[in-house]
PDB file of N, CA and C in Angstrom:
ATOM      1  N   UNK A   1       0.814  -1.145  -0.012  1.00  0.00           N
ATOM      2  CA  UNK A   1       0.007  -0.013  -0.020  1.00  0.00           C
ATOM      3  C   UNK A   1       0.878   1.272   0.010  1.00  0.00           C
ATOM      4  N   UNK A   2       0.525   2.102  -0.868  1.00  0.00           N
ATOM      5  CA  UNK A   2       1.193   3.339  -0.968  1.00  0.00           C
ATOM      6  C   UNK A   2       0.515   4.315  -0.113  1.00  0.00           C
ATOM      7  N   UNK A   3       1.334   5.108   0.584  1.00  0.00           N
ATOM      8  CA  UNK A   3       0.773   6.171   1.367  1.00  0.00           C
ATOM      9  C   UNK A   3       0.820   7.445   0.500  1.00  0.00           C
ATOM     10  N   UNK A   4      -0.375   8.039   0.508  1.00  0.00           N
ATOM     11  CA  UNK A   4      -0.492   9.288  -0.228  1.00  0.00           C
ATOM     12  C   UNK A   4      -0.291  10.447   0.750  1.00  0.00           C
ATOM     13  N   UNK A   5       0.494  11.359   0.223  1.00  0.00           N
ATOM     14  CA  UNK A   5       0.697  12.602   1.110  1.00  0.00           C
ATOM     15  C   UNK A   5      -0.583  13.426   0.899  1.00  0.00           C
ATOM     16  N   UNK A   6      -0.985  13.863   1.970  1.00  0.00           N
ATOM     17  CA  UNK A   6      -2.179  14.763   1.934  1.00  0.00           C
ATOM     18  C   UNK A   6      -1.803  16.140   1.552  1.00  0.00           C
ATOM     19  N   UNK A   7      -2.473  16.638   0.558  1.00  0.00           N
ATOM     20  CA  UNK A   7      -2.160  18.043   0.180  1.00  0.00           C
ATOM     21  C   UNK A   7      -3.062  18.902   1.055  1.00  0.00           C
ATOM     22  N   UNK A   8      -2.441  19.945   1.456  1.00  0.00           N
ATOM     23  CA  UNK A   8      -3.217  20.851   2.301  1.00  0.00           C
ATOM     24  C   UNK A   8      -3.964  21.814   1.377  1.00  0.00           C
ATOM     25  N   UNK A   9      -5.164  21.886   1.587  1.00  0.00           N
ATOM     26  CA  UNK A   9      -5.998  22.790   0.745  1.00  0.00           C
ATOM     27  C   UNK A   9      -6.400  23.986   1.604  1.00  0.00           C
ATOM     28  N   UNK A  10      -6.175  25.148   1.052  1.00  0.00           N
ATOM     29  CA  UNK A  10      -6.567  26.342   1.789  1.00  0.00           C
ATOM     30  C   UNK A  10      -7.944  26.732   1.314  1.00  0.00           C
ATOM     31  N   UNK A  11      -8.643  27.260   2.277  1.00  0.00           N
ATOM     32  CA  UNK A  11     -10.081  27.618   1.946  1.00  0.00           C
ATOM     33  C   UNK A  11     -10.037  28.893   1.051  1.00  0.00           C
ATOM     34  N   UNK A  12     -11.075  29.024   0.370  1.00  0.00           N
ATOM     35  CA  UNK A  12     -11.195  30.098  -0.579  1.00  0.00           C
ATOM     36  C   UNK A  12     -11.070  31.504   0.117  1.00  0.00           C
ATOM     37  N   UNK A  13     -11.677  31.805   1.253  1.00  0.00           N
ATOM     38  CA  UNK A  13     -11.519  33.069   1.869  1.00  0.00           C
ATOM     39  C   UNK A  13     -10.068  33.445   2.240  1.00  0.00           C
ATOM     40  N   UNK A  14      -9.351  32.371   2.710  1.00  0.00           N
ATOM     41  CA  UNK A  14      -7.886  32.628   3.023  1.00  0.00           C
ATOM     42  C   UNK A  14      -7.127  33.027   1.814  1.00  0.00           C
ATOM     43  N   UNK A  15      -7.370  32.402   0.707  1.00  0.00           N
ATOM     44  CA  UNK A  15      -6.639  32.703  -0.569  1.00  0.00           C
ATOM     45  C   UNK A  15      -7.024  34.110  -1.010  1.00  0.00           C
ATOM     46  N   UNK A  16      -8.312  34.466  -0.898  1.00  0.00           N
ATOM     47  CA  UNK A  16      -8.698  35.805  -1.337  1.00  0.00           C
ATOM     48  C   UNK A  16      -8.105  36.882  -0.483  1.00  0.00           C
ATOM     49  N   UNK A  17      -7.964  36.613   0.813  1.00  0.00           N
ATOM     50  CA  UNK A  17      -7.357  37.602   1.692  1.00  0.00           C
ATOM     51  C   UNK A  17      -5.909  37.695   1.438  1.00  0.00           C
ATOM     52  N   UNK A  18      -5.272  36.597   1.212  1.00  0.00           N
ATOM     53  CA  UNK A  18      -3.808  36.636   0.855  1.00  0.00           C
ATOM     54  C   UNK A  18      -3.564  37.404  -0.456  1.00  0.00           C
ATOM     55  N   UNK A  19      -4.397  37.259  -1.453  1.00  0.00           N
ATOM     56  CA  UNK A  19      -4.216  37.949  -2.649  1.00  0.00           C
ATOM     57  C   UNK A  19      -4.482  39.453  -2.422  1.00  0.00           C
ATOM     58  N   UNK A  20      -5.499  39.795  -1.601  1.00  0.00           N
ATOM     59  CA  UNK A  20      -5.792  41.210  -1.316  1.00  0.00           C
ATOM     60  C   UNK A  20      -4.642  41.820  -0.593  1.00  0.00           C
ATOM     61  N   UNK A  21      -4.079  41.116   0.363  1.00  0.00           N
ATOM     62  CA  UNK A  21      -2.890  41.672   1.093  1.00  0.00           C
ATOM     63  C   UNK A  21      -1.722  41.884   0.142  1.00  0.00           C
ATOM     64  N   UNK A  22      -1.472  40.946  -0.674  1.00  0.00           N
ATOM     65  CA  UNK A  22      -0.391  41.042  -1.675  1.00  0.00           C
ATOM     66  C   UNK A  22      -0.567  42.169  -2.582  1.00  0.00           C
ATOM     67  N   UNK A  23      -1.792  42.425  -3.118  1.00  0.00           N
ATOM     68  CA  UNK A  23      -2.106  43.545  -3.975  1.00  0.00           C
ATOM     69  C   UNK A  23      -1.942  44.870  -3.231  1.00  0.00           C
ATOM     70  N   UNK A  24      -2.330  44.944  -2.005  1.00  0.00           N
ATOM     71  CA  UNK A  24      -2.110  46.172  -1.176  1.00  0.00           C
ATOM     72  C   UNK A  24      -0.715  46.456  -0.988  1.00  0.00           C
ATOM     73  N   UNK A  25       0.074  45.474  -0.644  1.00  0.00           N
ATOM     74  CA  UNK A  25       1.516  45.684  -0.492  1.00  0.00           C
ATOM     75  C   UNK A  25       2.188  46.216  -1.782  1.00  0.00           C
ATOM     76  N   UNK A  26       1.738  45.555  -2.947  1.00  0.00           N
ATOM     77  CA  UNK A  26       2.292  45.919  -4.203  1.00  0.00           C
ATOM     78  C   UNK A  26       1.914  47.392  -4.515  1.00  0.00           C
ATOM     79  N   UNK A  27       0.691  47.741  -4.274  1.00  0.00           N
ATOM     80  CA  UNK A  27       0.204  49.121  -4.498  1.00  0.00           C
ATOM     81  C   UNK A  27       0.984  50.151  -3.649  1.00  0.00           C
ATOM     82  N   UNK A  28       1.157  49.871  -2.420  1.00  0.00           N
ATOM     83  CA  UNK A  28       1.979  50.719  -1.549  1.00  0.00           C
ATOM     84  C   UNK A  28       3.382  50.866  -1.995  1.00  0.00           C
ATOM     85  N   UNK A  29       3.987  49.783  -2.466  1.00  0.00           N
ATOM     86  CA  UNK A  29       5.334  49.829  -2.928  1.00  0.00           C
ATOM     87  C   UNK A  29       5.481  50.693  -4.167  1.00  0.00           C
ATOM     88  N   UNK A  30       4.516  50.499  -5.094  1.00  0.00           N
ATOM     89  CA  UNK A  30       4.539  51.325  -6.311  1.00  0.00           C
ATOM     90  C   UNK A  30       4.272  52.810  -5.967  1.00  0.00           C
ATOM     91  N   UNK A  31       3.388  53.089  -5.124  1.00  0.00           N
ATOM     92  CA  UNK A  31       3.045  54.484  -4.816  1.00  0.00           C
ATOM     93  C   UNK A  31       4.200  55.122  -4.076  1.00  0.00           C
ATOM     94  N   UNK A  32       4.902  54.384  -3.225  1.00  0.00           N
ATOM     95  CA  UNK A  32       6.153  54.895  -2.600  1.00  0.00           C
ATOM     96  C   UNK A  32       7.291  55.191  -3.622  1.00  0.00           C
ATOM     97  N   UNK A  33       7.406  54.300  -4.617  1.00  0.00           N
ATOM     98  CA  UNK A  33       8.439  54.502  -5.678  1.00  0.00           C
ATOM     99  C   UNK A  33       8.077  55.769  -6.469  1.00  0.00           C
ATOM    100  N   UNK A  34       6.892  55.990  -6.759  1.00  0.00           N
ATOM    101  CA  UNK A  34       6.447  57.150  -7.563  1.00  0.00           C
ATOM    102  C   UNK A  34       6.714  58.462  -6.699  1.00  0.00           C
ATOM    103  N   UNK A  35       6.342  58.405  -5.396  1.00  0.00           N
ATOM    104  CA  UNK A  35       6.597  59.574  -4.533  1.00  0.00           C
ATOM    105  C   UNK A  35       8.029  59.807  -4.427  1.00  0.00           C
ATOM    106  N   UNK A  36       8.902  58.774  -4.280  1.00  0.00           N
ATOM    107  CA  UNK A  36      10.334  58.936  -4.181  1.00  0.00           C
ATOM    108  C   UNK A  36      10.873  59.612  -5.424  1.00  0.00           C
ATOM    109  N   UNK A  37      10.503  59.189  -6.568  1.00  0.00           N
ATOM    110  CA  UNK A  37      11.001  59.785  -7.844  1.00  0.00           C
ATOM    111  C   UNK A  37      10.563  61.339  -7.913  1.00  0.00           C
ATOM    112  N   UNK A  38       9.386  61.613  -7.537  1.00  0.00           N
ATOM    113  CA  UNK A  38       8.924  63.045  -7.593  1.00  0.00           C
ATOM    114  C   UNK A  38       9.752  63.836  -6.594  1.00  0.00           C
ATOM    115  N   UNK A  39      10.028  63.339  -5.361  1.00  0.00           N
ATOM    116  CA  UNK A  39      10.729  64.067  -4.373  1.00  0.00           C
ATOM    117  C   UNK A  39      12.207  64.198  -4.887  1.00  0.00           C
ATOM    118  N   UNK A  40      12.751  63.193  -5.557  1.00  0.00           N
ATOM    119  CA  UNK A  40      14.087  63.299  -5.941  1.00  0.00           C
ATOM    120  C   UNK A  40      14.204  64.344  -7.093  1.00  0.00           C
ATOM    121  N   UNK A  41      13.226  64.395  -7.936  1.00  0.00           N
ATOM    122  CA  UNK A  41      13.248  65.449  -9.053  1.00  0.00           C
ATOM    123  C   UNK A  41      13.144  66.841  -8.416  1.00  0.00           C
ATOM    124  N   UNK A  42      12.248  66.977  -7.376  1.00  0.00           N
ATOM    125  CA  UNK A  42      12.095  68.254  -6.770  1.00  0.00           C
ATOM    126  C   UNK A  42      13.387  68.655  -6.022  1.00  0.00           C
ATOM    127  N   UNK A  43      14.045  67.716  -5.386  1.00  0.00           N
ATOM    128  CA  UNK A  43      15.315  67.973  -4.705  1.00  0.00           C
ATOM    129  C   UNK A  43      16.371  68.411  -5.714  1.00  0.00           C
ATOM    130  N   UNK A  44      16.471  67.770  -6.869  1.00  0.00           N
ATOM    131  CA  UNK A  44      17.437  68.212  -7.870  1.00  0.00           C
ATOM    132  C   UNK A  44      17.117  69.620  -8.411  1.00  0.00           C
ATOM    133  N   UNK A  45      15.809  69.906  -8.583  1.00  0.00           N
ATOM    134  CA  UNK A  45      15.461  71.277  -9.048  1.00  0.00           C
ATOM    135  C   UNK A  45      15.737  72.321  -7.970  1.00  0.00           C
ATOM    136  N   UNK A  46      15.499  71.982  -6.698  1.00  0.00           N
ATOM    137  CA  UNK A  46      15.791  72.954  -5.635  1.00  0.00           C
ATOM    138  C   UNK A  46      17.359  73.124  -5.462  1.00  0.00           C
ATOM    139  N   UNK A  47      18.099  72.030  -5.707  1.00  0.00           N
ATOM    140  CA  UNK A  47      19.552  72.189  -5.604  1.00  0.00           C
ATOM    141  C   UNK A  47      20.090  73.078  -6.723  1.00  0.00           C
ATOM    142  N   UNK A  48      19.545  72.918  -7.971  1.00  0.00           N
ATOM    143  CA  UNK A  48      19.936  73.804  -9.037  1.00  0.00           C
ATOM    144  C   UNK A  48      19.597  75.261  -8.689  1.00  0.00           C
ATOM    145  N   UNK A  49      18.386  75.406  -8.216  1.00  0.00           N
ATOM    146  CA  UNK A  49      17.967  76.805  -7.858  1.00  0.00           C
ATOM    147  C   UNK A  49      18.847  77.415  -6.796  1.00  0.00           C
ATOM    148  N   UNK A  50      19.213  76.585  -5.763  1.00  0.00           N
ATOM    149  CA  UNK A  50      20.073  77.049  -4.702  1.00  0.00           C
ATOM    150  C   UNK A  50      21.399  77.449  -5.264  1.00  0.00           C
ATOM    151  N   UNK A  51      22.027  76.678  -6.181  1.00  0.00           N
ATOM    152  CA  UNK A  51      23.240  77.067  -6.842  1.00  0.00           C
ATOM    153  C   UNK A  51      23.131  78.282  -7.608  1.00  0.00           C
ATOM    154  N   UNK A  52      22.041  78.482  -8.381  1.00  0.00           N
ATOM    155  CA  UNK A  52      21.771  79.736  -9.083  1.00  0.00           C
ATOM    156  C   UNK A  52      21.746  80.959  -8.141  1.00  0.00           C
ATOM    157  N   UNK A  53      21.074  80.718  -6.997  1.00  0.00           N
ATOM    158  CA  UNK A  53      20.879  81.867  -6.029  1.00  0.00           C
ATOM    159  C   UNK A  53      22.325  82.163  -5.395  1.00  0.00           C
ATOM    160  N   UNK A  54      23.133  81.161  -5.192  1.00  0.00           N
ATOM    161  CA  UNK A  54      24.524  81.434  -4.724  1.00  0.00           C
ATOM    162  C   UNK A  54      25.315  82.177  -5.662  1.00  0.00           C
ATOM    163  N   UNK A  55      25.190  81.887  -6.939  1.00  0.00           N
ATOM    164  CA  UNK A  55      25.957  82.589  -7.923  1.00  0.00           C
ATOM    165  C   UNK A  55      25.435  84.089  -8.002  1.00  0.00           C
ATOM    166  N   UNK A  56      24.133  84.222  -7.925  1.00  0.00           N
ATOM    167  CA  UNK A  56      23.559  85.598  -8.034  1.00  0.00           C
ATOM    168  C   UNK A  56      24.005  86.337  -6.750  1.00  0.00           C
ATOM    169  N   UNK A  57      24.031  85.739  -5.575  1.00  0.00           N
ATOM    170  CA  UNK A  57      24.441  86.338  -4.353  1.00  0.00           C
ATOM    171  C   UNK A  57      25.936  86.785  -4.521  1.00  0.00           C
ATOM    172  N   UNK A  58      26.802  85.979  -5.068  1.00  0.00           N
ATOM    173  CA  UNK A  58      28.126  86.341  -5.225  1.00  0.00           C
ATOM    174  C   UNK A  58      28.304  87.540  -6.230  1.00  0.00           C
ATOM    175  N   UNK A  59      27.478  87.602  -7.238  1.00  0.00           N
ATOM    176  CA  UNK A  59      27.507  88.665  -8.177  1.00  0.00           C
ATOM    177  C   UNK A  59      27.088  89.949  -7.457  1.00  0.00           C
ATOM    178  N   UNK A  60      26.002  89.900  -6.671  1.00  0.00           N
ATOM    179  CA  UNK A  60      25.509  91.069  -5.924  1.00  0.00           C
ATOM    180  C   UNK A  60      26.598  91.569  -4.978  1.00  0.00           C
ATOM    181  N   UNK A  61      27.180  90.638  -4.227  1.00  0.00           N
ATOM    182  CA  UNK A  61      28.248  90.962  -3.291  1.00  0.00           C
ATOM    183  C   UNK A  61      29.369  91.618  -4.003  1.00  0.00           C
ATOM    184  N   UNK A  62      29.753  91.095  -5.136  1.00  0.00           N
ATOM    185  CA  UNK A  62      30.852  91.681  -5.937  1.00  0.00           C
ATOM    186  C   UNK A  62      30.502  93.115  -6.313  1.00  0.00           C
ATOM    187  N   UNK A  63      29.258  93.297  -6.853  1.00  0.00           N
ATOM    188  CA  UNK A  63      28.768  94.613  -7.263  1.00  0.00           C
ATOM    189  C   UNK A  63      28.718  95.543  -6.122  1.00  0.00           C
ATOM    190  N   UNK A  64      28.361  95.119  -4.937  1.00  0.00           N
ATOM    191  CA  UNK A  64      28.221  95.973  -3.752  1.00  0.00           C
ATOM    192  C   UNK A  64      29.778  96.425  -3.347  1.00  0.00           C
ATOM    193  N   UNK A  65      30.622  95.474  -3.378  1.00  0.00           N
ATOM    194  CA  UNK A  65      32.061  95.899  -3.070  1.00  0.00           C
ATOM    195  C   UNK A  65      32.531  96.839  -4.039  1.00  0.00           C
ATOM    196  N   UNK A  66      32.233  96.667  -5.322  1.00  0.00           N
ATOM    197  CA  UNK A  66      32.646  97.541  -6.391  1.00  0.00           C
ATOM    198  C   UNK A  66      32.028  98.914  -6.256  1.00  0.00           C
ATOM    199  N   UNK A  67      30.750  98.966  -5.824  1.00  0.00           N
ATOM    200  CA  UNK A  67      30.042 100.218  -5.626  1.00  0.00           C
ATOM    201  C   UNK A  67      30.647 101.006  -4.551  1.00  0.00           C
ATOM    202  N   UNK A  68      31.264 100.402  -3.631  1.00  0.00           N
ATOM    203  CA  UNK A  68      31.886 101.130  -2.503  1.00  0.00           C
ATOM    204  C   UNK A  68      33.221 101.793  -2.905  1.00  0.00           C
ATOM    205  N   UNK A  69      33.818 101.402  -4.032  1.00  0.00           N
ATOM    206  CA  UNK A  69      35.145 101.973  -4.401  1.00  0.00           C
ATOM    207  C   UNK A  69      34.898 103.367  -5.054  1.00  0.00           C
ATOM    208  N   UNK A  70      35.972 104.142  -4.834  1.00  0.00           N
ATOM    209  CA  UNK A  70      35.935 105.533  -5.322  1.00  0.00           C
ATOM    210  C   UNK A  70      35.993 105.507  -6.852  1.00  0.00           C
ATOM    211  N   UNK A  71      36.680 104.595  -7.446  1.00  0.00           N
ATOM    212  CA  UNK A  71      36.807 104.576  -8.955  1.00  0.00           C
ATOM    213  C   UNK A  71      35.491 104.327  -9.556  1.00  0.00           C
ATOM    214  N   UNK A  72      34.618 103.445  -8.943  1.00  0.00           N
ATOM    215  CA  UNK A  72      33.374 103.096  -9.524  1.00  0.00           C
ATOM    216  C   UNK A  72      32.498 104.344  -9.405  1.00  0.00           C
ATOM    217  N   UNK A  73      32.497 104.995  -8.289  1.00  0.00           N
ATOM    218  CA  UNK A  73      31.651 106.172  -8.121  1.00  0.00           C
ATOM    219  C   UNK A  73      32.008 107.256  -9.077  1.00  0.00           C
ATOM    220  N   UNK A  74      33.297 107.475  -9.281  1.00  0.00           N
ATOM    221  CA  UNK A  74      33.849 108.411 -10.230  1.00  0.00           C
ATOM    222  C   UNK A  74      33.286 108.136 -11.648  1.00  0.00           C
ATOM    223  N   UNK A  75      33.415 106.826 -11.998  1.00  0.00           N
ATOM    224  CA  UNK A  75      32.976 106.384 -13.310  1.00  0.00           C
ATOM    225  C   UNK A  75      31.444 106.700 -13.496  1.00  0.00           C
ATOM    226  N   UNK A  76      30.694 106.453 -12.486  1.00  0.00           N
ATOM    227  CA  UNK A  76      29.252 106.738 -12.599  1.00  0.00           C
ATOM    228  C   UNK A  76      28.936 108.194 -12.719  1.00  0.00           C
ATOM    229  N   UNK A  77      29.734 108.998 -11.938  1.00  0.00           N
ATOM    230  CA  UNK A  77      29.529 110.401 -11.976  1.00  0.00           C
ATOM    231  C   UNK A  77      29.873 111.023 -13.356  1.00  0.00           C
ATOM    232  N   UNK A  78      30.896 110.537 -13.987  1.00  0.00           N
ATOM    233  CA  UNK A  78      31.286 110.924 -15.332  1.00  0.00           C
ATOM    234  C   UNK A  78      30.256 110.477 -16.351  1.00  0.00           C
ATOM    235  N   UNK A  79      29.817 109.275 -16.213  1.00  0.00           N
ATOM    236  CA  UNK A  79      28.929 108.710 -17.289  1.00  0.00           C
ATOM    237  C   UNK A  79      27.541 109.255 -17.210  1.00  0.00           C
ATOM    238  N   UNK A  80      26.964 109.330 -16.038  1.00  0.00           N
ATOM    239  CA  UNK A  80      25.526 109.693 -15.925  1.00  0.00           C
ATOM    240  C   UNK A  80      25.347 111.190 -15.554  1.00  0.00           C
ATOM    241  N   UNK A  81      26.261 111.776 -14.849  1.00  0.00           N
ATOM    242  CA  UNK A  81      26.067 113.175 -14.353  1.00  0.00           C
ATOM    243  C   UNK A  81      26.907 114.146 -15.199  1.00  0.00           C
ATOM    244  N   UNK A  82      27.914 113.679 -15.968  1.00  0.00           N
ATOM    245  CA  UNK A  82      28.740 114.580 -16.737  1.00  0.00           C
ATOM    246  C   UNK A  82      29.737 115.322 -15.979  1.00  0.00           C
ATOM    247  N   UNK A  83      30.043 114.823 -14.778  1.00  0.00           N
ATOM    248  CA  UNK A  83      30.993 115.544 -13.891  1.00  0.00           C
ATOM    249  C   UNK A  83      32.447 115.191 -14.337  1.00  0.00           C
ATOM    250  N   UNK A  84      33.323 116.108 -14.013  1.00  0.00           N
ATOM    251  CA  UNK A  84      34.795 115.879 -14.303  1.00  0.00           C
ATOM    252  C   UNK A  84      35.612 116.263 -13.073  1.00  0.00           C
ATOM    253  N   UNK A  85      36.888 115.762 -13.080  1.00  0.00           N
ATOM    254  CA  UNK A  85      37.858 116.136 -12.056  1.00  0.00           C
ATOM    255  C   UNK A  85      38.375 117.485 -12.385  1.00  0.00           C
ATOM    256  N   UNK A  86      39.011 118.168 -11.414  1.00  0.00           N
ATOM    257  CA  UNK A  86      39.636 119.483 -11.587  1.00  0.00           C
ATOM    258  C   UNK A  86      40.759 119.432 -12.623  1.00  0.00           C
ATOM    259  N   UNK A  87      41.476 118.501 -12.637  1.00  0.00           N
ATOM    260  CA  UNK A  87      42.680 118.495 -13.471  1.00  0.00           C
ATOM    261  C   UNK A  87      42.444 117.848 -14.858  1.00  0.00           C
ATOM    262  N   UNK A  88      41.157 117.502 -15.172  1.00  0.00           N
ATOM    263  CA  UNK A  88      40.928 116.929 -16.445  1.00  0.00           C
ATOM    264  C   UNK A  88      40.682 118.010 -17.585  1.00  0.00           C
ATOM    265  N   UNK A  89      41.077 117.708 -18.732  1.00  0.00           N
ATOM    266  CA  UNK A  89      40.771 118.636 -19.842  1.00  0.00           C
ATOM    267  C   UNK A  89      39.673 118.085 -20.718  1.00  0.00           C
ATOM    268  N   UNK A  90      38.829 118.918 -21.152  1.00  0.00           N
ATOM    269  CA  UNK A  90      37.729 118.508 -22.007  1.00  0.00           C
ATOM    270  C   UNK A  90      37.914 118.970 -23.397  1.00  0.00           C
ATOM    271  N   UNK A  91      37.748 118.019 -24.297  1.00  0.00           N
ATOM    272  CA  UNK A  91      37.827 118.393 -25.728  1.00  0.00           C
ATOM    273  C   UNK A  91      36.424 118.257 -26.314  1.00  0.00           C
ATOM    274  N   UNK A  92      36.037 119.331 -26.990  1.00  0.00           N
ATOM    275  CA  UNK A  92      34.752 119.286 -27.715  1.00  0.00           C
ATOM    276  C   UNK A  92      35.034 119.145 -29.203  1.00  0.00           C
ATOM    277  N   UNK A  93      34.528 118.118 -29.751  1.00  0.00           N
ATOM    278  CA  UNK A  93      34.781 117.886 -31.188  1.00  0.00           C
ATOM    279  C   UNK A  93      33.568 118.344 -31.933  1.00  0.00           C
ATOM    280  N   UNK A  94      33.877 119.245 -32.861  1.00  0.00           N
ATOM    281  CA  UNK A  94      32.858 119.806 -33.685  1.00  0.00           C
ATOM    282  C   UNK A  94      32.611 118.862 -34.840  1.00  0.00           C
ATOM    283  N   UNK A  95      31.337 118.625 -35.156  1.00  0.00           N
ATOM    284  CA  UNK A  95      31.108 117.816 -36.310  1.00  0.00           C
ATOM    285  C   UNK A  95      31.062 118.668 -37.553  1.00  0.00           C
ATOM    286  N   UNK A  96      31.111 118.048 -38.741  1.00  0.00           N
ATOM    287  CA  UNK A  96      31.129 118.791 -39.933  1.00  0.00           C
ATOM    288  C   UNK A  96      29.812 119.578 -40.220  1.00  0.00           C
ATOM    289  N   UNK A  97      28.790 119.153 -39.612  1.00  0.00           N
ATOM    290  CA  UNK A  97      27.481 119.863 -39.690  1.00  0.00           C
ATOM    291  C   UNK A  97      27.592 121.216 -38.976  1.00  0.00           C
ATOM    292  N   UNK A  98      28.323 121.259 -37.777  1.00  0.00           N
ATOM    293  CA  UNK A  98      28.400 122.492 -37.032  1.00  0.00           C
ATOM    294  C   UNK A  98      29.232 123.518 -37.817  1.00  0.00           C
ATOM    295  N   UNK A  99      30.215 123.074 -38.516  1.00  0.00           N
ATOM    296  CA  UNK A  99      31.122 124.013 -39.270  1.00  0.00           C
ATOM    297  C   UNK A  99      30.354 124.585 -40.427  1.00  0.00           C
ATOM    298  N   UNK A 100      29.507 123.875 -41.027  1.00  0.00           N
ATOM    299  CA  UNK A 100      28.729 124.432 -42.185  1.00  0.00           C
ATOM    300  C   UNK A 100      27.813 125.514 -41.842  1.00  0.00           C
ATOM    301  N   UNK A 101      27.285 125.526 -40.655  1.00  0.00           N
ATOM    302  CA  UNK A 101      26.257 126.590 -40.233  1.00  0.00           C
ATOM    303  C   UNK A 101      26.966 127.694 -39.783  1.00  0.00           C
TER     304      UNK A 101
END
């Protein structure tokens, strides 16, 4: 006589619950992966923005230091206000139109 191994049969509700739990775990895993990728992309974007802000800050800091120098103030006074130093000579160039009149 051969002995048959008894196969253990699971009841239908247990199998359905196991499938439901597996699907839920799979859903949670996929949603966490999607969230992770979104956050990683946002982190990269914010890192780039931070680097751009640092560069901008360095440019502003440089411009501020330059604005405090006397040479820069003198350049602006000459360019926008038409001021000159005491020892500078001014040459006025007449155009050919002025000589004809």
